N, C-alpha and C. Protein backbone atom coordinates (compact mmCIF):
# COMPACT_ATOMS: atom_id res chain seq x y z
N MET A 1 0.82 -1.19 0.00
CA MET A 1 0.00 0.00 0.00
C MET A 1 0.85 1.23 0.00
N THR A 2 0.56 2.15 0.82
CA THR A 2 1.20 3.44 0.81
C THR A 2 2.10 3.64 2.00
N ASP A 3 3.10 4.41 1.81
CA ASP A 3 3.98 4.71 2.94
C ASP A 3 3.31 5.65 3.91
N THR A 4 2.78 6.70 3.42
CA THR A 4 2.01 7.71 4.11
C THR A 4 2.33 7.91 5.57
N ALA A 5 3.39 8.58 5.84
CA ALA A 5 3.57 9.09 7.18
C ALA A 5 2.66 10.29 7.35
N ASP A 6 2.30 10.59 8.59
CA ASP A 6 1.44 11.73 8.85
C ASP A 6 2.30 12.99 8.82
N THR A 7 2.09 13.82 7.79
CA THR A 7 2.91 15.00 7.65
C THR A 7 2.04 16.21 7.41
N THR A 8 2.62 17.36 7.63
CA THR A 8 1.92 18.59 7.35
C THR A 8 2.90 19.63 6.89
N GLY A 9 2.52 20.35 5.84
CA GLY A 9 3.40 21.36 5.31
C GLY A 9 3.50 22.57 6.21
N SER A 10 2.54 22.78 7.07
CA SER A 10 2.54 24.00 7.86
C SER A 10 3.47 23.92 9.04
N THR A 11 3.64 22.73 9.62
CA THR A 11 4.50 22.63 10.79
C THR A 11 5.75 21.82 10.55
N GLY A 12 5.73 21.01 9.49
CA GLY A 12 6.89 20.17 9.21
C GLY A 12 7.07 19.08 10.23
N THR A 13 6.02 18.66 10.91
CA THR A 13 6.12 17.60 11.90
C THR A 13 5.56 16.32 11.34
N ALA A 14 5.88 15.22 12.02
CA ALA A 14 5.35 13.93 11.60
C ALA A 14 5.14 13.06 12.82
N ARG A 15 4.13 12.20 12.73
CA ARG A 15 3.90 11.20 13.76
C ARG A 15 4.24 9.84 13.20
N SER A 16 4.50 8.87 14.07
CA SER A 16 4.87 7.55 13.60
C SER A 16 3.66 6.68 13.33
N THR A 17 2.48 7.08 13.72
CA THR A 17 1.29 6.31 13.42
C THR A 17 0.82 6.69 12.04
N SER A 18 1.20 5.88 11.03
CA SER A 18 0.92 6.17 9.64
C SER A 18 0.60 4.88 8.93
N SER A 19 0.25 4.99 7.65
CA SER A 19 -0.12 3.79 6.91
C SER A 19 1.04 2.82 6.82
N ALA A 20 2.18 3.29 6.38
CA ALA A 20 3.30 2.36 6.26
C ALA A 20 3.80 1.97 7.62
N ASP A 21 3.82 2.92 8.56
CA ASP A 21 4.16 2.60 9.94
C ASP A 21 3.35 1.43 10.41
N SER A 22 2.05 1.56 10.22
CA SER A 22 1.16 0.54 10.72
C SER A 22 1.39 -0.79 10.03
N ALA A 23 1.80 -0.73 8.76
CA ALA A 23 2.05 -1.98 8.05
C ALA A 23 3.14 -2.78 8.72
N GLY A 24 4.06 -2.09 9.39
CA GLY A 24 5.12 -2.80 10.08
C GLY A 24 4.74 -3.11 11.51
N ALA A 25 3.58 -2.69 11.92
CA ALA A 25 3.15 -2.93 13.29
C ALA A 25 2.20 -4.12 13.30
N THR A 26 1.19 -4.08 14.13
CA THR A 26 0.30 -5.23 14.25
C THR A 26 -0.90 -5.07 13.34
N SER A 27 -1.55 -6.21 13.03
CA SER A 27 -2.71 -6.15 12.16
C SER A 27 -3.83 -5.37 12.80
N SER A 28 -3.89 -5.31 14.13
CA SER A 28 -4.94 -4.56 14.80
C SER A 28 -4.78 -3.07 14.55
N MET A 29 -3.53 -2.61 14.30
CA MET A 29 -3.30 -1.21 13.98
C MET A 29 -3.56 -0.94 12.50
N PHE A 30 -3.56 -1.98 11.69
CA PHE A 30 -3.63 -1.87 10.25
C PHE A 30 -4.65 -2.86 9.75
N PRO A 31 -5.92 -2.55 9.85
CA PRO A 31 -6.95 -3.57 9.67
C PRO A 31 -7.11 -4.03 8.23
N ALA A 32 -7.51 -5.28 8.10
CA ALA A 32 -7.84 -5.81 6.79
C ALA A 32 -8.98 -5.00 6.20
N GLY A 33 -8.92 -4.79 4.90
CA GLY A 33 -9.95 -4.02 4.22
C GLY A 33 -9.62 -2.56 4.04
N ARG A 34 -8.50 -2.12 4.61
CA ARG A 34 -8.10 -0.73 4.41
C ARG A 34 -7.57 -0.56 2.99
N THR A 35 -7.86 0.58 2.38
CA THR A 35 -7.42 0.83 1.02
C THR A 35 -6.71 2.18 0.91
N ALA A 36 -6.06 2.37 -0.22
CA ALA A 36 -5.36 3.63 -0.48
C ALA A 36 -5.23 3.81 -1.98
N LEU A 37 -5.01 5.04 -2.38
CA LEU A 37 -4.69 5.38 -3.76
C LEU A 37 -3.25 5.86 -3.79
N ILE A 38 -2.45 5.26 -4.65
CA ILE A 38 -1.02 5.57 -4.66
C ILE A 38 -0.51 5.74 -6.09
N VAL A 39 0.64 6.40 -6.18
CA VAL A 39 1.41 6.49 -7.42
C VAL A 39 2.69 5.70 -7.19
N ARG A 40 2.88 4.63 -7.94
CA ARG A 40 4.09 3.82 -7.81
C ARG A 40 5.27 4.54 -8.47
N ILE A 41 6.44 4.38 -7.86
CA ILE A 41 7.67 4.97 -8.40
C ILE A 41 8.70 3.84 -8.55
N PRO A 42 8.57 3.00 -9.56
CA PRO A 42 9.49 1.86 -9.68
C PRO A 42 10.94 2.28 -9.91
N GLU A 43 11.15 3.46 -10.50
CA GLU A 43 12.51 3.92 -10.75
C GLU A 43 13.27 4.17 -9.45
N ALA A 44 12.54 4.35 -8.35
CA ALA A 44 13.20 4.60 -7.06
C ALA A 44 13.64 3.32 -6.37
N GLU A 45 13.13 2.18 -6.80
CA GLU A 45 13.38 0.95 -6.06
C GLU A 45 14.87 0.63 -5.90
N PRO A 46 15.70 0.75 -6.97
CA PRO A 46 17.13 0.42 -6.78
C PRO A 46 17.80 1.28 -5.72
N ALA A 47 17.39 2.53 -5.61
CA ALA A 47 18.02 3.43 -4.64
C ALA A 47 17.47 3.24 -3.24
N VAL A 48 16.15 3.16 -3.12
CA VAL A 48 15.55 3.15 -1.78
C VAL A 48 15.25 1.76 -1.27
N GLY A 49 15.16 0.76 -2.17
CA GLY A 49 14.77 -0.58 -1.75
C GLY A 49 15.61 -1.16 -0.64
N PRO A 50 16.96 -1.13 -0.74
CA PRO A 50 17.77 -1.70 0.34
C PRO A 50 17.57 -1.00 1.68
N TRP A 51 17.38 0.31 1.64
CA TRP A 51 17.15 1.02 2.90
C TRP A 51 15.76 0.75 3.46
N ARG A 52 14.77 0.66 2.58
CA ARG A 52 13.42 0.35 3.06
C ARG A 52 13.39 -1.04 3.69
N ASP A 53 14.11 -1.98 3.10
CA ASP A 53 14.15 -3.33 3.67
C ASP A 53 14.77 -3.32 5.07
N ARG A 54 15.68 -2.40 5.30
CA ARG A 54 16.37 -2.34 6.60
C ARG A 54 15.62 -1.52 7.63
N ILE A 55 15.13 -0.33 7.22
CA ILE A 55 14.64 0.60 8.25
C ILE A 55 13.27 1.21 7.95
N ASP A 56 12.51 0.60 7.05
CA ASP A 56 11.12 0.98 6.85
C ASP A 56 10.25 -0.19 7.31
N PRO A 57 9.48 -0.03 8.38
CA PRO A 57 8.69 -1.16 8.90
C PRO A 57 7.78 -1.79 7.86
N ALA A 58 7.21 -0.99 6.97
CA ALA A 58 6.29 -1.54 5.97
C ALA A 58 7.01 -2.51 5.05
N ALA A 59 8.18 -2.11 4.58
CA ALA A 59 8.94 -2.98 3.69
C ALA A 59 9.47 -4.19 4.43
N ARG A 60 9.98 -3.99 5.65
CA ARG A 60 10.52 -5.11 6.41
C ARG A 60 9.46 -6.16 6.69
N ALA A 61 8.24 -5.71 6.86
CA ALA A 61 7.16 -6.65 7.16
C ALA A 61 6.75 -7.46 5.94
N GLY A 62 7.31 -7.13 4.78
CA GLY A 62 6.95 -7.85 3.56
C GLY A 62 5.51 -7.66 3.20
N ALA A 63 4.99 -6.46 3.41
CA ALA A 63 3.57 -6.21 3.24
C ALA A 63 3.20 -5.76 1.85
N GLY A 64 4.12 -5.88 0.89
CA GLY A 64 3.79 -5.56 -0.48
C GLY A 64 3.67 -4.08 -0.76
N VAL A 65 4.33 -3.25 0.04
CA VAL A 65 4.27 -1.81 -0.16
C VAL A 65 5.41 -1.40 -1.08
N PRO A 66 5.15 -0.99 -2.31
CA PRO A 66 6.23 -0.60 -3.21
C PRO A 66 6.69 0.83 -2.91
N ALA A 67 7.79 1.22 -3.52
CA ALA A 67 8.18 2.63 -3.47
C ALA A 67 7.08 3.43 -4.16
N HIS A 68 6.58 4.45 -3.49
CA HIS A 68 5.43 5.16 -4.01
C HIS A 68 5.26 6.49 -3.32
N VAL A 69 4.37 7.29 -3.90
CA VAL A 69 3.86 8.50 -3.25
C VAL A 69 2.36 8.30 -3.08
N SER A 70 1.86 8.57 -1.90
CA SER A 70 0.43 8.38 -1.65
C SER A 70 -0.38 9.53 -2.24
N VAL A 71 -1.49 9.19 -2.86
CA VAL A 71 -2.48 10.18 -3.29
C VAL A 71 -3.53 10.36 -2.20
N LEU A 72 -3.99 9.26 -1.62
CA LEU A 72 -4.97 9.35 -0.54
C LEU A 72 -4.94 8.09 0.32
N TYR A 73 -4.63 8.29 1.60
CA TYR A 73 -4.71 7.25 2.59
C TYR A 73 -5.33 7.83 3.85
N PRO A 74 -6.29 7.13 4.45
CA PRO A 74 -6.97 5.95 3.92
C PRO A 74 -8.06 6.35 2.94
N PHE A 75 -8.41 5.41 2.05
CA PHE A 75 -9.56 5.61 1.17
C PHE A 75 -10.72 4.83 1.79
N LEU A 76 -11.75 4.55 1.03
CA LEU A 76 -12.91 3.82 1.55
C LEU A 76 -12.52 2.40 1.95
N GLN A 77 -13.23 1.85 2.93
CA GLN A 77 -13.04 0.44 3.26
C GLN A 77 -13.37 -0.41 2.03
N GLU A 78 -12.64 -1.51 1.88
CA GLU A 78 -12.76 -2.28 0.65
C GLU A 78 -14.17 -2.81 0.43
N ASP A 79 -14.89 -3.14 1.48
CA ASP A 79 -16.24 -3.70 1.27
C ASP A 79 -17.24 -2.64 0.79
N LEU A 80 -16.82 -1.38 0.77
CA LEU A 80 -17.67 -0.31 0.24
C LEU A 80 -17.33 0.02 -1.21
N ILE A 81 -16.29 -0.60 -1.72
CA ILE A 81 -15.83 -0.27 -3.06
C ILE A 81 -16.43 -1.23 -4.08
N ASP A 82 -17.21 -0.68 -4.99
CA ASP A 82 -17.85 -1.47 -6.04
C ASP A 82 -17.61 -0.80 -7.38
N ALA A 83 -18.33 -1.25 -8.40
CA ALA A 83 -18.12 -0.72 -9.74
C ALA A 83 -18.40 0.78 -9.80
N SER A 84 -19.37 1.23 -9.02
CA SER A 84 -19.69 2.66 -9.05
C SER A 84 -18.57 3.50 -8.45
N VAL A 85 -17.89 2.96 -7.42
CA VAL A 85 -16.75 3.66 -6.85
C VAL A 85 -15.61 3.70 -7.85
N HIS A 86 -15.34 2.58 -8.51
CA HIS A 86 -14.31 2.56 -9.55
C HIS A 86 -14.61 3.61 -10.61
N ALA A 87 -15.87 3.69 -11.01
CA ALA A 87 -16.25 4.68 -12.02
C ALA A 87 -16.04 6.10 -11.49
N GLY A 88 -16.32 6.30 -10.20
CA GLY A 88 -16.13 7.61 -9.61
C GLY A 88 -14.67 8.02 -9.55
N ILE A 89 -13.80 7.06 -9.21
CA ILE A 89 -12.36 7.35 -9.21
C ILE A 89 -11.91 7.71 -10.61
N ALA A 90 -12.32 6.92 -11.59
CA ALA A 90 -11.93 7.18 -12.97
C ALA A 90 -12.40 8.56 -13.42
N ALA A 91 -13.62 8.92 -13.04
CA ALA A 91 -14.15 10.23 -13.43
C ALA A 91 -13.39 11.37 -12.75
N ALA A 92 -13.03 11.17 -11.49
CA ALA A 92 -12.29 12.21 -10.77
C ALA A 92 -10.91 12.43 -11.36
N LEU A 93 -10.29 11.35 -11.85
CA LEU A 93 -8.93 11.45 -12.37
C LEU A 93 -8.88 11.76 -13.86
N ARG A 94 -9.99 11.59 -14.55
CA ARG A 94 -10.00 11.71 -16.01
C ARG A 94 -9.48 13.05 -16.52
N PRO A 95 -9.78 14.16 -15.86
CA PRO A 95 -9.28 15.45 -16.39
C PRO A 95 -7.78 15.63 -16.25
N HIS A 96 -7.11 14.77 -15.51
CA HIS A 96 -5.70 14.99 -15.18
C HIS A 96 -4.78 14.27 -16.15
N HIS A 97 -3.74 14.98 -16.56
CA HIS A 97 -2.78 14.44 -17.51
C HIS A 97 -1.64 13.73 -16.79
N ALA A 98 -1.03 12.80 -17.50
CA ALA A 98 0.23 12.21 -17.03
C ALA A 98 1.26 13.32 -16.88
N PHE A 99 2.21 13.12 -15.97
CA PHE A 99 3.19 14.17 -15.70
C PHE A 99 4.51 13.56 -15.26
N ASP A 100 5.56 14.35 -15.38
CA ASP A 100 6.90 13.93 -14.98
C ASP A 100 7.20 14.39 -13.56
N LEU A 101 7.91 13.54 -12.83
CA LEU A 101 8.37 13.88 -11.49
C LEU A 101 9.88 13.68 -11.42
N ARG A 102 10.52 14.53 -10.63
CA ARG A 102 11.93 14.35 -10.32
C ARG A 102 12.10 14.30 -8.81
N PHE A 103 13.04 13.51 -8.40
CA PHE A 103 13.40 13.42 -6.99
C PHE A 103 14.87 13.85 -6.90
N GLU A 104 15.09 15.07 -6.43
CA GLU A 104 16.43 15.64 -6.41
C GLU A 104 16.98 15.79 -5.01
N ARG A 105 16.12 15.64 -4.00
CA ARG A 105 16.58 15.88 -2.63
C ARG A 105 15.82 15.00 -1.66
N THR A 106 16.41 14.81 -0.51
CA THR A 106 15.74 14.12 0.59
C THR A 106 15.12 15.15 1.53
N GLY A 107 14.26 14.68 2.40
CA GLY A 107 13.66 15.51 3.44
C GLY A 107 13.54 14.70 4.71
N ARG A 108 13.37 15.39 5.81
CA ARG A 108 13.29 14.70 7.11
C ARG A 108 12.08 15.20 7.89
N PHE A 109 11.44 14.26 8.57
CA PHE A 109 10.54 14.51 9.68
C PHE A 109 11.09 13.72 10.85
N PRO A 110 10.64 13.96 12.06
CA PRO A 110 11.19 13.20 13.19
C PRO A 110 11.09 11.70 12.98
N GLY A 111 12.25 11.03 12.99
CA GLY A 111 12.30 9.58 12.83
C GLY A 111 12.05 9.10 11.43
N MET A 112 12.01 10.00 10.45
CA MET A 112 11.60 9.62 9.11
C MET A 112 12.45 10.34 8.07
N LEU A 113 12.75 9.60 6.98
CA LEU A 113 13.48 10.14 5.83
C LEU A 113 12.65 9.87 4.58
N TYR A 114 12.59 10.86 3.69
CA TYR A 114 11.81 10.68 2.48
C TYR A 114 12.49 11.36 1.30
N LEU A 115 12.07 10.99 0.10
CA LEU A 115 12.43 11.69 -1.11
C LEU A 115 11.32 12.67 -1.44
N ALA A 116 11.72 13.88 -1.83
CA ALA A 116 10.74 14.93 -2.12
C ALA A 116 10.45 14.98 -3.62
N PRO A 117 9.20 14.76 -4.03
CA PRO A 117 8.86 14.83 -5.45
C PRO A 117 8.73 16.28 -5.90
N GLU A 118 9.24 16.55 -7.08
CA GLU A 118 9.16 17.90 -7.64
C GLU A 118 8.76 17.81 -9.10
N PRO A 119 7.75 18.58 -9.53
CA PRO A 119 6.90 19.42 -8.70
C PRO A 119 5.87 18.58 -7.96
N ASP A 120 5.41 19.05 -6.81
CA ASP A 120 4.42 18.27 -6.08
C ASP A 120 3.00 18.73 -6.35
N ALA A 121 2.84 19.83 -7.10
CA ALA A 121 1.49 20.34 -7.37
C ALA A 121 0.60 19.32 -8.09
N PRO A 122 1.09 18.57 -9.09
CA PRO A 122 0.20 17.58 -9.74
C PRO A 122 -0.28 16.51 -8.77
N LEU A 123 0.55 16.11 -7.82
CA LEU A 123 0.14 15.12 -6.82
C LEU A 123 -0.93 15.70 -5.90
N ARG A 124 -0.76 16.94 -5.49
CA ARG A 124 -1.76 17.59 -4.65
C ARG A 124 -3.09 17.71 -5.39
N MET A 125 -3.02 17.97 -6.70
CA MET A 125 -4.24 18.08 -7.50
C MET A 125 -4.97 16.75 -7.58
N LEU A 126 -4.24 15.65 -7.68
CA LEU A 126 -4.87 14.33 -7.69
C LEU A 126 -5.58 14.07 -6.37
N THR A 127 -4.91 14.40 -5.27
CA THR A 127 -5.54 14.23 -3.96
C THR A 127 -6.81 15.07 -3.86
N ARG A 128 -6.72 16.31 -4.30
CA ARG A 128 -7.88 17.20 -4.23
C ARG A 128 -9.02 16.67 -5.08
N ALA A 129 -8.71 16.11 -6.25
CA ALA A 129 -9.76 15.61 -7.13
C ALA A 129 -10.55 14.48 -6.47
N VAL A 130 -9.85 13.59 -5.78
CA VAL A 130 -10.53 12.45 -5.14
C VAL A 130 -11.30 12.91 -3.91
N THR A 131 -10.71 13.80 -3.11
CA THR A 131 -11.40 14.25 -1.90
C THR A 131 -12.60 15.14 -2.23
N GLU A 132 -12.58 15.80 -3.37
CA GLU A 132 -13.77 16.55 -3.78
C GLU A 132 -14.90 15.60 -4.16
N ARG A 133 -14.53 14.44 -4.68
CA ARG A 133 -15.53 13.44 -5.03
C ARG A 133 -16.08 12.76 -3.78
N TRP A 134 -15.20 12.52 -2.80
CA TRP A 134 -15.58 11.90 -1.53
C TRP A 134 -15.14 12.81 -0.39
N PRO A 135 -15.88 13.87 -0.11
CA PRO A 135 -15.44 14.84 0.90
C PRO A 135 -15.35 14.28 2.31
N GLU A 136 -15.98 13.14 2.55
CA GLU A 136 -15.89 12.53 3.88
C GLU A 136 -14.57 11.78 4.08
N VAL A 137 -13.81 11.59 3.02
CA VAL A 137 -12.53 10.88 3.10
C VAL A 137 -11.41 11.91 3.00
N ARG A 138 -10.71 12.11 4.13
CA ARG A 138 -9.64 13.10 4.17
C ARG A 138 -8.29 12.43 4.35
N PRO A 139 -7.25 12.99 3.78
CA PRO A 139 -5.92 12.40 4.01
C PRO A 139 -5.62 12.29 5.50
N TYR A 140 -5.19 11.11 5.91
CA TYR A 140 -4.84 10.84 7.32
C TYR A 140 -6.00 11.17 8.26
N GLY A 141 -7.20 10.93 7.77
CA GLY A 141 -8.37 11.15 8.60
C GLY A 141 -8.63 12.61 8.90
N GLY A 142 -8.02 13.52 8.13
CA GLY A 142 -8.23 14.94 8.34
C GLY A 142 -7.40 15.54 9.45
N ARG A 143 -6.40 14.78 9.95
CA ARG A 143 -5.61 15.30 11.07
C ARG A 143 -4.70 16.44 10.66
N TYR A 144 -4.36 16.48 9.36
CA TYR A 144 -3.42 17.50 8.90
C TYR A 144 -4.01 18.23 7.70
N PRO A 145 -4.02 19.54 7.71
CA PRO A 145 -4.67 20.29 6.64
C PRO A 145 -3.89 20.30 5.34
N ASP A 146 -2.57 20.09 5.39
CA ASP A 146 -1.75 20.22 4.19
C ASP A 146 -0.67 19.15 4.17
N PRO A 147 -1.03 17.89 3.95
CA PRO A 147 -0.03 16.83 3.93
C PRO A 147 0.98 17.04 2.81
N VAL A 148 2.22 16.71 3.08
CA VAL A 148 3.31 16.90 2.13
C VAL A 148 3.48 15.64 1.28
N PRO A 149 3.35 15.72 -0.04
CA PRO A 149 3.65 14.55 -0.87
C PRO A 149 5.09 14.10 -0.65
N HIS A 150 5.30 12.80 -0.54
CA HIS A 150 6.63 12.30 -0.23
C HIS A 150 6.73 10.81 -0.55
N LEU A 151 7.94 10.35 -0.73
CA LEU A 151 8.22 8.92 -0.91
C LEU A 151 9.05 8.48 0.28
N THR A 152 8.45 7.69 1.14
CA THR A 152 9.12 7.30 2.38
C THR A 152 10.27 6.33 2.11
N VAL A 153 11.40 6.63 2.70
CA VAL A 153 12.56 5.74 2.67
C VAL A 153 12.69 4.99 3.98
N ALA A 154 12.48 5.68 5.08
CA ALA A 154 12.63 5.07 6.40
C ALA A 154 11.78 5.82 7.39
N GLN A 155 11.33 5.10 8.40
CA GLN A 155 10.55 5.70 9.46
C GLN A 155 10.70 4.89 10.73
N ARG A 156 10.36 5.52 11.84
CA ARG A 156 10.60 4.90 13.14
C ARG A 156 12.05 4.43 13.26
N ALA A 157 12.96 5.22 12.72
CA ALA A 157 14.35 4.81 12.62
C ALA A 157 15.24 5.65 13.52
N LEU A 158 16.39 5.11 13.87
CA LEU A 158 17.38 5.85 14.63
C LEU A 158 17.99 6.93 13.75
N GLU A 159 18.38 8.03 14.39
CA GLU A 159 18.95 9.13 13.64
C GLU A 159 20.21 8.68 12.89
N ALA A 160 21.00 7.81 13.49
CA ALA A 160 22.22 7.34 12.81
C ALA A 160 21.87 6.59 11.53
N ASP A 161 20.81 5.80 11.55
CA ASP A 161 20.39 5.09 10.34
C ASP A 161 19.86 6.06 9.29
N LEU A 162 19.11 7.05 9.73
CA LEU A 162 18.63 8.05 8.79
C LEU A 162 19.78 8.82 8.16
N ASP A 163 20.78 9.16 8.97
CA ASP A 163 21.95 9.86 8.45
C ASP A 163 22.67 9.03 7.39
N ALA A 164 22.81 7.73 7.66
CA ALA A 164 23.51 6.85 6.72
C ALA A 164 22.72 6.73 5.42
N ALA A 165 21.43 6.56 5.54
CA ALA A 165 20.59 6.44 4.34
C ALA A 165 20.61 7.73 3.54
N GLU A 166 20.53 8.84 4.22
CA GLU A 166 20.52 10.13 3.53
C GLU A 166 21.83 10.37 2.79
N ALA A 167 22.94 10.03 3.43
CA ALA A 167 24.24 10.20 2.79
C ALA A 167 24.35 9.32 1.55
N ASP A 168 23.89 8.08 1.64
CA ASP A 168 23.94 7.18 0.50
C ASP A 168 23.06 7.68 -0.64
N LEU A 169 21.85 8.12 -0.33
CA LEU A 169 20.93 8.56 -1.37
C LEU A 169 21.41 9.83 -2.06
N GLY A 170 22.19 10.63 -1.33
CA GLY A 170 22.72 11.84 -1.94
C GLY A 170 23.53 11.56 -3.19
N GLY A 171 24.15 10.39 -3.24
CA GLY A 171 24.92 10.01 -4.42
C GLY A 171 24.11 9.29 -5.48
N ARG A 172 22.85 9.03 -5.22
CA ARG A 172 22.01 8.30 -6.16
C ARG A 172 20.95 9.19 -6.82
N LEU A 173 20.81 10.40 -6.34
CA LEU A 173 19.86 11.33 -6.90
C LEU A 173 20.59 12.24 -7.90
N PRO A 174 19.86 12.82 -8.86
CA PRO A 174 18.41 12.78 -8.99
C PRO A 174 17.94 11.51 -9.71
N LEU A 175 16.64 11.26 -9.60
CA LEU A 175 15.99 10.24 -10.40
C LEU A 175 14.67 10.81 -10.86
N SER A 176 14.15 10.25 -11.93
CA SER A 176 12.92 10.79 -12.50
C SER A 176 11.99 9.67 -12.92
N THR A 177 10.73 10.03 -13.09
CA THR A 177 9.72 9.07 -13.51
C THR A 177 8.62 9.81 -14.22
N ARG A 178 7.82 9.09 -14.96
CA ARG A 178 6.60 9.67 -15.54
C ARG A 178 5.42 8.99 -14.88
N VAL A 179 4.53 9.77 -14.33
CA VAL A 179 3.35 9.25 -13.64
C VAL A 179 2.22 9.13 -14.66
N ARG A 180 1.81 7.91 -14.92
CA ARG A 180 0.79 7.64 -15.93
C ARG A 180 -0.49 7.07 -15.35
N SER A 181 -0.48 6.71 -14.06
CA SER A 181 -1.67 6.09 -13.49
C SER A 181 -1.66 6.25 -11.97
N VAL A 182 -2.83 6.02 -11.40
CA VAL A 182 -3.00 5.97 -9.95
C VAL A 182 -3.57 4.60 -9.63
N ASP A 183 -3.00 3.91 -8.65
CA ASP A 183 -3.42 2.56 -8.31
C ASP A 183 -4.26 2.54 -7.03
N LEU A 184 -5.29 1.74 -7.05
CA LEU A 184 -6.06 1.43 -5.85
C LEU A 184 -5.50 0.15 -5.26
N VAL A 185 -5.07 0.20 -4.01
CA VAL A 185 -4.52 -0.97 -3.34
C VAL A 185 -5.30 -1.22 -2.05
N ALA A 186 -5.29 -2.47 -1.62
CA ALA A 186 -6.05 -2.86 -0.44
C ALA A 186 -5.24 -3.84 0.40
N TYR A 187 -5.45 -3.77 1.70
CA TYR A 187 -4.76 -4.65 2.64
C TYR A 187 -5.68 -5.80 3.02
N ASP A 188 -5.18 -7.04 2.87
CA ASP A 188 -6.02 -8.21 3.13
C ASP A 188 -5.78 -8.83 4.50
N GLY A 189 -5.04 -8.13 5.34
CA GLY A 189 -4.71 -8.66 6.65
C GLY A 189 -3.29 -9.18 6.73
N THR A 190 -2.69 -9.39 5.56
CA THR A 190 -1.31 -9.87 5.48
C THR A 190 -0.44 -8.99 4.60
N ALA A 191 -0.98 -8.59 3.48
CA ALA A 191 -0.21 -7.80 2.52
C ALA A 191 -1.14 -6.88 1.74
N TRP A 192 -0.52 -5.91 1.07
CA TRP A 192 -1.24 -5.00 0.20
C TRP A 192 -1.23 -5.54 -1.22
N HIS A 193 -2.37 -5.39 -1.92
CA HIS A 193 -2.51 -5.89 -3.28
C HIS A 193 -3.18 -4.82 -4.14
N GLU A 194 -2.77 -4.77 -5.40
CA GLU A 194 -3.43 -3.86 -6.33
C GLU A 194 -4.82 -4.38 -6.67
N ARG A 195 -5.80 -3.50 -6.60
CA ARG A 195 -7.18 -3.86 -6.97
C ARG A 195 -7.58 -3.27 -8.31
N ALA A 196 -7.02 -2.11 -8.65
CA ALA A 196 -7.36 -1.47 -9.93
C ALA A 196 -6.31 -0.40 -10.21
N SER A 197 -6.19 -0.06 -11.49
CA SER A 197 -5.28 1.00 -11.90
C SER A 197 -6.05 1.95 -12.81
N PHE A 198 -5.88 3.24 -12.57
CA PHE A 198 -6.64 4.26 -13.29
C PHE A 198 -5.68 5.14 -14.08
N PRO A 199 -5.72 5.06 -15.40
CA PRO A 199 -4.76 5.81 -16.22
C PRO A 199 -5.06 7.30 -16.22
N LEU A 200 -4.00 8.08 -16.31
CA LEU A 200 -4.12 9.52 -16.53
C LEU A 200 -4.03 9.78 -18.04
N ARG A 201 -4.49 10.93 -18.44
CA ARG A 201 -4.53 11.25 -19.86
C ARG A 201 -3.13 11.59 -20.38
N GLU A 202 -2.81 11.11 -21.55
CA GLU A 202 -1.59 11.52 -22.24
C GLU A 202 -1.92 12.69 -23.14
N ARG A 203 -1.05 13.67 -23.14
CA ARG A 203 -1.27 14.84 -23.98
C ARG A 203 -1.07 14.47 -25.44
N THR A 204 -1.95 14.95 -26.28
CA THR A 204 -1.82 14.71 -27.71
C THR A 204 -1.11 15.89 -28.36
N LYS A 205 -0.26 15.58 -29.32
CA LYS A 205 0.49 16.64 -29.98
C LYS A 205 -0.26 17.19 -31.17
């Protein structure tokens, strides 16, 4: 599923109770049927994968969480998602074009290291499009008014581990990707699985 640490652009703080955090914790903290909308970043896997395996609880737990940036966590419970919801997601995303992202720098929150996507405005627009369709579903339950788009590398980690990961990644950036779709993923009590993928529009020349 999604890494989704609880972040806010206004204070720059983070809590450890997050989607990916929870994936490395107990199933009672991360219930079966939870869903999320994410943008996968496969190009980041060679750089961040070894560190996520070591110091990201979600990856260590083998919960099927790929390198990604979250669009919306949590989304609707899986038993509420039917064909009409799929159609609603597709309609919300349909106006949005595919776009390029670059990751040129790392960022820190307490106990957490992430890659910062640039520009982040297209990601924020995707989040806004879905939450306008489902206003009762807010990022992180509405705890933070301005969540920061990010790709989690490590969380709940010692500062020395974060320092080591950050130093290593400094030599592996920048990296880039083209975002062509948003994936709906769901947790089955053991791992996260893709349930659907919603393409973004390609610009015609």
